[in-house]
C-alpha atoms as a PDB file:
ATOM      1  CA  MET A   1      -0.070  -0.049   0.100  1.00  0.00           C
ATOM      2  CA  CYS A   2       1.179   3.567  -0.819  1.00  0.00           C
ATOM      3  CA  GLY A   3       0.115   6.941  -0.072  1.00  0.00           C
ATOM      4  CA  ASN A   4      -1.695   9.047  -2.619  1.00  0.00           C
ATOM      5  CA  ASN A   5      -3.068  12.585  -2.957  1.00  0.00           C
ATOM      6  CA  MET A   6      -6.688  11.800  -1.867  1.00  0.00           C
ATOM      7  CA  SER A   7      -7.882  13.345   1.172  1.00  0.00           C
ATOM      8  CA  ALA A   8      -8.377  10.872   3.988  1.00  0.00           C
ATOM      9  CA  PRO A   9     -12.091  10.260   4.921  1.00  0.00           C
ATOM     10  CA  LEU A  10     -13.231  11.712   8.147  1.00  0.00           C
ATOM     11  CA  PRO A  11     -12.865   9.304  11.070  1.00  0.00           C
ATOM     12  CA  ALA A  12     -15.827   7.639  12.802  1.00  0.00           C
ATOM     13  CA  ILE A  13     -16.155   9.465  16.145  1.00  0.00           C
ATOM     14  CA  VAL A  14     -18.226   8.862  19.242  1.00  0.00           C
ATOM     15  CA  PRO A  15     -18.260  12.057  20.847  1.00  0.00           C
ATOM     16  CA  ALA A  16     -18.113  12.793  24.542  1.00  0.00           C
ATOM     17  CA  ALA A  17     -21.506  13.180  25.997  1.00  0.00           C
ATOM     18  CA  ARG A  18     -20.308  16.305  27.851  1.00  0.00           C
ATOM     19  CA  LYS A  19     -17.003  18.172  27.471  1.00  0.00           C
ATOM     20  CA  ALA A  20     -14.309  16.017  26.288  1.00  0.00           C
ATOM     21  CA  THR A  21     -11.273  15.832  28.783  1.00  0.00           C
ATOM     22  CA  ALA A  22      -9.775  12.783  27.259  1.00  0.00           C
ATOM     23  CA  ALA A  23      -9.532  10.871  23.884  1.00  0.00           C
ATOM     24  CA  VAL A  24      -9.034   7.349  22.705  1.00  0.00           C
ATOM     25  CA  ILE A  25      -7.565   7.209  19.175  1.00  0.00           C
ATOM     26  CA  PHE A  26      -8.057   3.544  17.695  1.00  0.00           C
ATOM     27  CA  LEU A  27      -6.662   2.206  14.581  1.00  0.00           C
ATOM     28  CA  HIS A  28      -8.472  -0.606  12.655  1.00  0.00           C
ATOM     29  CA  GLY A  29      -6.825  -3.475  11.011  1.00  0.00           C
ATOM     30  CA  LEU A  30      -6.182  -4.418   7.266  1.00  0.00           C
ATOM     31  CA  GLY A  31      -9.284  -3.965   4.928  1.00  0.00           C
ATOM     32  CA  ASP A  32     -11.466  -2.750   7.740  1.00  0.00           C
ATOM     33  CA  THR A  33     -12.992   0.580   8.570  1.00  0.00           C
ATOM     34  CA  GLY A  34     -13.327   2.683  11.827  1.00  0.00           C
ATOM     35  CA  HIS A  35     -17.228   2.181  11.835  1.00  0.00           C
ATOM     36  CA  GLY A  36     -17.254  -1.231  13.553  1.00  0.00           C
ATOM     37  CA  TRP A  37     -14.737   0.042  16.236  1.00  0.00           C
ATOM     38  CA  ALA A  38     -16.782   3.178  16.723  1.00  0.00           C
ATOM     39  CA  GLU A  39     -19.974   1.124  17.446  1.00  0.00           C
ATOM     40  CA  ALA A  40     -18.007  -1.124  19.886  1.00  0.00           C
ATOM     41  CA  PHE A  41     -16.456   2.126  21.842  1.00  0.00           C
ATOM     42  CA  ALA A  42     -20.066   3.455  21.864  1.00  0.00           C
ATOM     43  CA  GLY A  43     -21.045   0.420  23.974  1.00  0.00           C
ATOM     44  CA  ILE A  44     -18.380   0.841  26.558  1.00  0.00           C
ATOM     45  CA  ARG A  45     -18.286   4.756  26.395  1.00  0.00           C
ATOM     46  CA  SER A  46     -17.591   7.047  29.271  1.00  0.00           C
ATOM     47  CA  SER A  47     -19.142  10.592  29.021  1.00  0.00           C
ATOM     48  CA  HIS A  48     -15.966  12.607  29.231  1.00  0.00           C
ATOM     49  CA  ILE A  49     -14.100  10.649  26.552  1.00  0.00           C
ATOM     50  CA  LYS A  50     -14.059  11.114  22.922  1.00  0.00           C
ATOM     51  CA  TYR A  51     -13.369   7.857  20.628  1.00  0.00           C
ATOM     52  CA  ILE A  52     -11.806   8.479  17.381  1.00  0.00           C
ATOM     53  CA  CYS A  53     -11.564   5.672  14.847  1.00  0.00           C
ATOM     54  CA  PRO A  54      -9.870   6.732  11.484  1.00  0.00           C
ATOM     55  CA  HIS A  55     -10.846   4.999   8.253  1.00  0.00           C
ATOM     56  CA  ASP A  56      -8.640   3.232   5.786  1.00  0.00           C
ATOM     57  CA  PHE A  57      -5.146   3.834   6.811  1.00  0.00           C
ATOM     58  CA  ALA A  58      -4.099   2.995   3.204  1.00  0.00           C
ATOM     59  CA  LEU A  59      -4.685   6.636   2.572  1.00  0.00           C
ATOM     60  CA  PHE A  60      -2.298   7.510   5.414  1.00  0.00           C
ATOM     61  CA  SER A  61       0.702   5.519   3.767  1.00  0.00           C
ATOM     62  CA  ARG A  62       0.000   2.742   6.021  1.00  0.00           C
ATOM     63  CA  PHE A  63       2.612   0.110   5.797  1.00  0.00           C
ATOM     64  CA  ASP A  64       2.566  -3.064   3.740  1.00  0.00           C
ATOM     65  CA  ILE A  65       2.573  -6.500   5.617  1.00  0.00           C
ATOM     66  CA  ILE A  66       5.273  -8.458   3.765  1.00  0.00           C
ATOM     67  CA  GLY A  67       5.106 -11.336   6.294  1.00  0.00           C
ATOM     68  CA  LEU A  68       4.231 -12.406   9.640  1.00  0.00           C
ATOM     69  CA  SER A  69       7.124 -14.810  10.612  1.00  0.00           C
ATOM     70  CA  PRO A  70       9.703 -13.556  13.091  1.00  0.00           C
ATOM     71  CA  ASP A  71      12.311 -13.239  10.340  1.00  0.00           C
ATOM     72  CA  SER A  72      10.033 -11.595   7.673  1.00  0.00           C
ATOM     73  CA  LEU A  73      11.061  -8.564   6.081  1.00  0.00           C
ATOM     74  CA  GLU A  74       9.286  -5.400   7.142  1.00  0.00           C
ATOM     75  CA  ASP A  75       8.217  -2.081   5.406  1.00  0.00           C
ATOM     76  CA  GLU A  76      10.373   0.024   7.389  1.00  0.00           C
ATOM     77  CA  THR A  77       9.637   3.223   5.397  1.00  0.00           C
ATOM     78  CA  GLY A  78       5.945   2.677   5.546  1.00  0.00           C
ATOM     79  CA  ILE A  79       5.862   1.971   9.144  1.00  0.00           C
ATOM     80  CA  LYS A  80       7.618   5.187   9.868  1.00  0.00           C
ATOM     81  CA  GLN A  81       5.653   7.247   7.622  1.00  0.00           C
ATOM     82  CA  ALA A  82       2.262   5.629   9.107  1.00  0.00           C
ATOM     83  CA  ALA A  83       3.757   6.387  12.590  1.00  0.00           C
ATOM     84  CA  GLU A  84       4.222  10.295  11.683  1.00  0.00           C
ATOM     85  CA  ASN A  85       0.596  10.380  10.456  1.00  0.00           C
ATOM     86  CA  VAL A  86      -0.564   8.965  13.755  1.00  0.00           C
ATOM     87  CA  LYS A  87       1.409  11.369  15.622  1.00  0.00           C
ATOM     88  CA  ALA A  88      -0.495  14.148  13.638  1.00  0.00           C
ATOM     89  CA  LEU A  89      -3.577  12.769  14.735  1.00  0.00           C
ATOM     90  CA  ILE A  90      -2.440  13.078  18.233  1.00  0.00           C
ATOM     91  CA  ASP A  91      -1.393  16.771  17.675  1.00  0.00           C
ATOM     92  CA  GLN A  92      -4.718  17.431  16.314  1.00  0.00           C
ATOM     93  CA  GLU A  93      -6.421  16.449  19.594  1.00  0.00           C
ATOM     94  CA  VAL A  94      -3.941  18.503  21.484  1.00  0.00           C
ATOM     95  CA  LYS A  95      -4.943  21.430  19.372  1.00  0.00           C
ATOM     96  CA  ASN A  96      -8.529  20.575  20.164  1.00  0.00           C
ATOM     97  CA  GLY A  97      -7.755  21.056  23.881  1.00  0.00           C
ATOM     98  CA  ILE A  98      -6.875  17.409  24.962  1.00  0.00           C
ATOM     99  CA  PRO A  99      -3.524  17.168  26.335  1.00  0.00           C
ATOM    100  CA  SER A 100      -1.555  14.150  25.082  1.00  0.00           C
ATOM    101  CA  ASN A 101      -1.211  12.484  28.556  1.00  0.00           C
ATOM    102  CA  ARG A 102      -5.064  12.367  28.382  1.00  0.00           C
ATOM    103  CA  ILE A 103      -5.107  10.228  24.977  1.00  0.00           C
ATOM    104  CA  ILE A 104      -4.843   6.430  24.870  1.00  0.00           C
ATOM    105  CA  LEU A 105      -3.763   5.190  21.447  1.00  0.00           C
ATOM    106  CA  GLY A 106      -4.824   1.684  20.428  1.00  0.00           C
ATOM    107  CA  GLY A 107      -5.515  -0.564  17.375  1.00  0.00           C
ATOM    108  CA  PHE A 108      -6.368  -3.927  16.174  1.00  0.00           C
ATOM    109  CA  SER A 109      -3.975  -6.193  14.165  1.00  0.00           C
ATOM    110  CA  GLN A 110      -2.109  -3.882  11.882  1.00  0.00           C
ATOM    111  CA  GLY A 111      -3.548  -0.861  13.716  1.00  0.00           C
ATOM    112  CA  GLY A 112      -2.203  -2.450  17.038  1.00  0.00           C
ATOM    113  CA  ALA A 113       1.100  -2.913  15.831  1.00  0.00           C
ATOM    114  CA  LEU A 114       1.161   0.757  14.652  1.00  0.00           C
ATOM    115  CA  SER A 115      -0.160   1.920  17.904  1.00  0.00           C
ATOM    116  CA  LEU A 116       2.670   0.198  19.762  1.00  0.00           C
ATOM    117  CA  TYR A 117       5.333   1.397  17.364  1.00  0.00           C
ATOM    118  CA  THR A 118       4.081   4.886  17.556  1.00  0.00           C
ATOM    119  CA  ALA A 119       3.692   4.975  21.443  1.00  0.00           C
ATOM    120  CA  LEU A 120       7.432   3.851  21.717  1.00  0.00           C
ATOM    121  CA  THR A 121       8.952   6.223  19.275  1.00  0.00           C
ATOM    122  CA  THR A 122       7.107   9.374  19.975  1.00  0.00           C
ATOM    123  CA  GLN A 123       7.943  12.238  22.338  1.00  0.00           C
ATOM    124  CA  GLN A 124       4.240  12.843  22.818  1.00  0.00           C
ATOM    125  CA  LYS A 125       3.525  11.654  26.464  1.00  0.00           C
ATOM    126  CA  LEU A 126       0.429   9.231  26.292  1.00  0.00           C
ATOM    127  CA  ALA A 127      -1.741   7.796  28.807  1.00  0.00           C
ATOM    128  CA  GLY A 128      -1.466   4.337  27.492  1.00  0.00           C
ATOM    129  CA  VAL A 129      -1.915   1.636  24.628  1.00  0.00           C
ATOM    130  CA  THR A 130      -4.473  -0.829  23.793  1.00  0.00           C
ATOM    131  CA  ALA A 131      -2.876  -3.414  21.462  1.00  0.00           C
ATOM    132  CA  LEU A 132      -5.241  -5.990  20.168  1.00  0.00           C
ATOM    133  CA  SER A 133      -4.273  -9.226  18.216  1.00  0.00           C
ATOM    134  CA  CYS A 134      -0.974  -7.628  17.088  1.00  0.00           C
ATOM    135  CA  TRP A 135       2.726  -7.716  17.159  1.00  0.00           C
ATOM    136  CA  LEU A 136       5.483  -5.045  17.514  1.00  0.00           C
ATOM    137  CA  PRO A 137       6.813  -3.990  14.165  1.00  0.00           C
ATOM    138  CA  LEU A 138      10.700  -3.195  13.618  1.00  0.00           C
ATOM    139  CA  ARG A 139      11.342  -4.628  16.931  1.00  0.00           C
ATOM    140  CA  ALA A 140      15.022  -5.135  16.005  1.00  0.00           C
ATOM    141  CA  SER A 141      15.287  -1.276  15.861  1.00  0.00           C
ATOM    142  CA  PHE A 142      14.515  -1.032  19.661  1.00  0.00           C
ATOM    143  CA  PRO A 143      17.217  -1.010  22.371  1.00  0.00           C
ATOM    144  CA  GLN A 144      18.066  -4.061  24.225  1.00  0.00           C
ATOM    145  CA  GLY A 145      17.108  -2.169  27.358  1.00  0.00           C
ATOM    146  CA  PRO A 146      14.453   0.383  28.322  1.00  0.00           C
ATOM    147  CA  ILE A 147      13.576   2.930  25.855  1.00  0.00           C
ATOM    148  CA  GLY A 148      14.269   6.572  26.757  1.00  0.00           C
ATOM    149  CA  GLY A 149      11.793   9.627  26.456  1.00  0.00           C
ATOM    150  CA  VAL A 150       8.403  10.430  28.086  1.00  0.00           C
ATOM    151  CA  ASN A 151       6.701   7.110  27.497  1.00  0.00           C
ATOM    152  CA  ARG A 152       9.172   4.671  29.298  1.00  0.00           C
ATOM    153  CA  ASP A 153       6.581   4.109  32.054  1.00  0.00           C
ATOM    154  CA  ILE A 154       3.470   3.935  29.616  1.00  0.00           C
ATOM    155  CA  SER A 155       0.696   1.531  30.466  1.00  0.00           C
ATOM    156  CA  ILE A 156      -0.020  -1.072  27.945  1.00  0.00           C
ATOM    157  CA  LEU A 157      -2.950  -3.504  27.546  1.00  0.00           C
ATOM    158  CA  GLN A 158      -2.140  -6.190  25.167  1.00  0.00           C
ATOM    159  CA  CYS A 159      -5.079  -8.609  24.122  1.00  0.00           C
ATOM    160  CA  HIS A 160      -4.807 -11.797  22.082  1.00  0.00           C
ATOM    161  CA  GLY A 161      -7.052 -14.749  21.183  1.00  0.00           C
ATOM    162  CA  ASP A 162      -5.613 -18.136  21.731  1.00  0.00           C
ATOM    163  CA  LEU A 163      -6.876 -19.524  18.425  1.00  0.00           C
ATOM    164  CA  ASP A 164      -5.716 -16.569  16.294  1.00  0.00           C
ATOM    165  CA  PRO A 165      -4.832 -18.108  12.739  1.00  0.00           C
ATOM    166  CA  LEU A 166      -3.610 -14.965  11.368  1.00  0.00           C
ATOM    167  CA  VAL A 167      -1.440 -13.442  14.171  1.00  0.00           C
ATOM    168  CA  PRO A 168      -0.563 -16.548  16.178  1.00  0.00           C
ATOM    169  CA  LEU A 169      -0.549 -16.395  20.012  1.00  0.00           C
ATOM    170  CA  MET A 170       3.117 -16.924  20.124  1.00  0.00           C
ATOM    171  CA  PHE A 171       3.815 -13.580  18.442  1.00  0.00           C
ATOM    172  CA  GLY A 172       1.658 -11.777  21.003  1.00  0.00           C
ATOM    173  CA  SER A 173       3.598 -13.587  23.841  1.00  0.00           C
ATOM    174  CA  LEU A 174       6.923 -12.614  22.266  1.00  0.00           C
ATOM    175  CA  THR A 175       5.821  -9.127  21.848  1.00  0.00           C
ATOM    176  CA  ALA A 176       4.623  -8.944  25.521  1.00  0.00           C
ATOM    177  CA  GLU A 177       8.025 -10.057  26.690  1.00  0.00           C
ATOM    178  CA  LYS A 178       9.905  -7.590  24.428  1.00  0.00           C
ATOM    179  CA  LEU A 179       7.563  -4.688  25.690  1.00  0.00           C
ATOM    180  CA  LYS A 180       8.406  -5.570  29.371  1.00  0.00           C
ATOM    181  CA  THR A 181      12.040  -4.875  28.559  1.00  0.00           C
ATOM    182  CA  LEU A 182      11.413  -1.485  26.836  1.00  0.00           C
ATOM    183  CA  VAL A 183       9.040   0.024  29.285  1.00  0.00           C
ATOM    184  CA  ASN A 184       8.403  -0.434  33.087  1.00  0.00           C
ATOM    185  CA  PRO A 185       7.285  -4.330  33.038  1.00  0.00           C
ATOM    186  CA  ALA A 186       4.723  -3.773  35.882  1.00  0.00           C
ATOM    187  CA  ASN A 187       2.660  -1.526  33.352  1.00  0.00           C
ATOM    188  CA  VAL A 188       2.436  -4.234  30.616  1.00  0.00           C
ATOM    189  CA  THR A 189      -0.659  -6.322  30.819  1.00  0.00           C
ATOM    190  CA  PHE A 190      -1.213  -9.387  28.399  1.00  0.00           C
ATOM    191  CA  ARG A 191      -4.455 -10.997  28.576  1.00  0.00           C
ATOM    192  CA  THR A 192      -5.602 -13.907  26.369  1.00  0.00           C
ATOM    193  CA  TYR A 193      -8.984 -15.029  25.428  1.00  0.00           C
ATOM    194  CA  ALA A 194      -9.963 -18.779  25.145  1.00  0.00           C
ATOM    195  CA  GLY A 195     -11.556 -19.785  21.811  1.00  0.00           C
ATOM    196  CA  MET A 196     -11.134 -16.281  20.423  1.00  0.00           C
ATOM    197  CA  MET A 197      -9.767 -16.014  16.645  1.00  0.00           C
ATOM    198  CA  HIS A 198      -8.517 -13.017  14.964  1.00  0.00           C
ATOM    199  CA  SER A 199     -11.419 -10.876  16.285  1.00  0.00           C
ATOM    200  CA  SER A 200     -12.877  -9.263  19.621  1.00  0.00           C
ATOM    201  CA  CYS A 201     -15.278 -10.644  22.315  1.00  0.00           C
ATOM    202  CA  GLN A 202     -17.284  -8.939  24.956  1.00  0.00           C
ATOM    203  CA  GLN A 203     -14.844  -9.777  27.762  1.00  0.00           C
ATOM    204  CA  GLU A 204     -12.024  -8.166  25.746  1.00  0.00           C
ATOM    205  CA  MET A 205     -14.045  -5.048  25.421  1.00  0.00           C
ATOM    206  CA  MET A 206     -14.994  -4.888  29.213  1.00  0.00           C
ATOM    207  CA  ASP A 207     -11.315  -5.157  29.945  1.00  0.00           C
ATOM    208  CA  ILE A 208     -10.454  -2.336  27.623  1.00  0.00           C
ATOM    209  CA  LYS A 209     -13.269  -0.295  29.164  1.00  0.00           C
ATOM    210  CA  GLN A 210     -11.631  -0.870  32.692  1.00  0.00           C
ATOM    211  CA  PHE A 211      -8.143  -0.057  31.291  1.00  0.00           C
ATOM    212  CA  ILE A 212      -9.320   3.098  29.630  1.00  0.00           C
ATOM    213  CA  ASP A 213     -11.543   4.385  32.607  1.00  0.00           C
ATOM    214  CA  LYS A 214      -8.692   3.672  35.067  1.00  0.00           C
ATOM    215  CA  LEU A 215      -5.995   5.853  33.052  1.00  0.00           C
ATOM    216  CA  LEU A 216      -8.672   8.474  32.040  1.00  0.00           C
ATOM    217  CA  PRO A 217     -10.768   9.214  34.966  1.00  0.00           C
ATOM    218  CA  PRO A 218     -13.005  12.285  34.937  1.00  0.00           C
ATOM    219  CA  ILE A 219     -11.224  15.526  35.974  1.00  0.00           C
ATOM    220  CA  ASP A 220     -14.227  17.899  36.380  1.00  0.00           C
END
């Protein structure tokens, strides 16, 4: 996939029921749109949080998936460009009045991979990451020890189905172990869901709600 000159479609948004003092930016997976995830977040919403689900990240120069084995080549240029586009989304919410440390970044599959990479490379301090059914891209580019920067203590909720045929559970487990070397390991939570494939489930969404509400409590 590559970028083009088309303007990106407006994201699916679940607005805050009152003044928004926090936000969740959630990136969908390959071939999906933001609509389904916006509906899912509408079911677990909190009144002070705005949920933003961008559409079709191919328009944002989202990266190619070349392979999903541990030694596969990766689209480094595409990943880094996509991360810059996500950082621009975060900056836009900051301009809208929501500080970056009141923003949770997340995603499913390819979107989850991008959310992890962005959070670990940005100098925007974030509240946390929800990474679903995914992996850490460009993992060899990260240090052997903790990352520097503002997100070295970031909270990460990683979720994975134990029957995922596309992104095997082993990839999720390896990712969780790598994340624990990069950030405060006490802040990395890895949850698995029995019988879940490359999808989501009600229990996972309730775990996500608990994670979001803990990190983004009301402030007014």
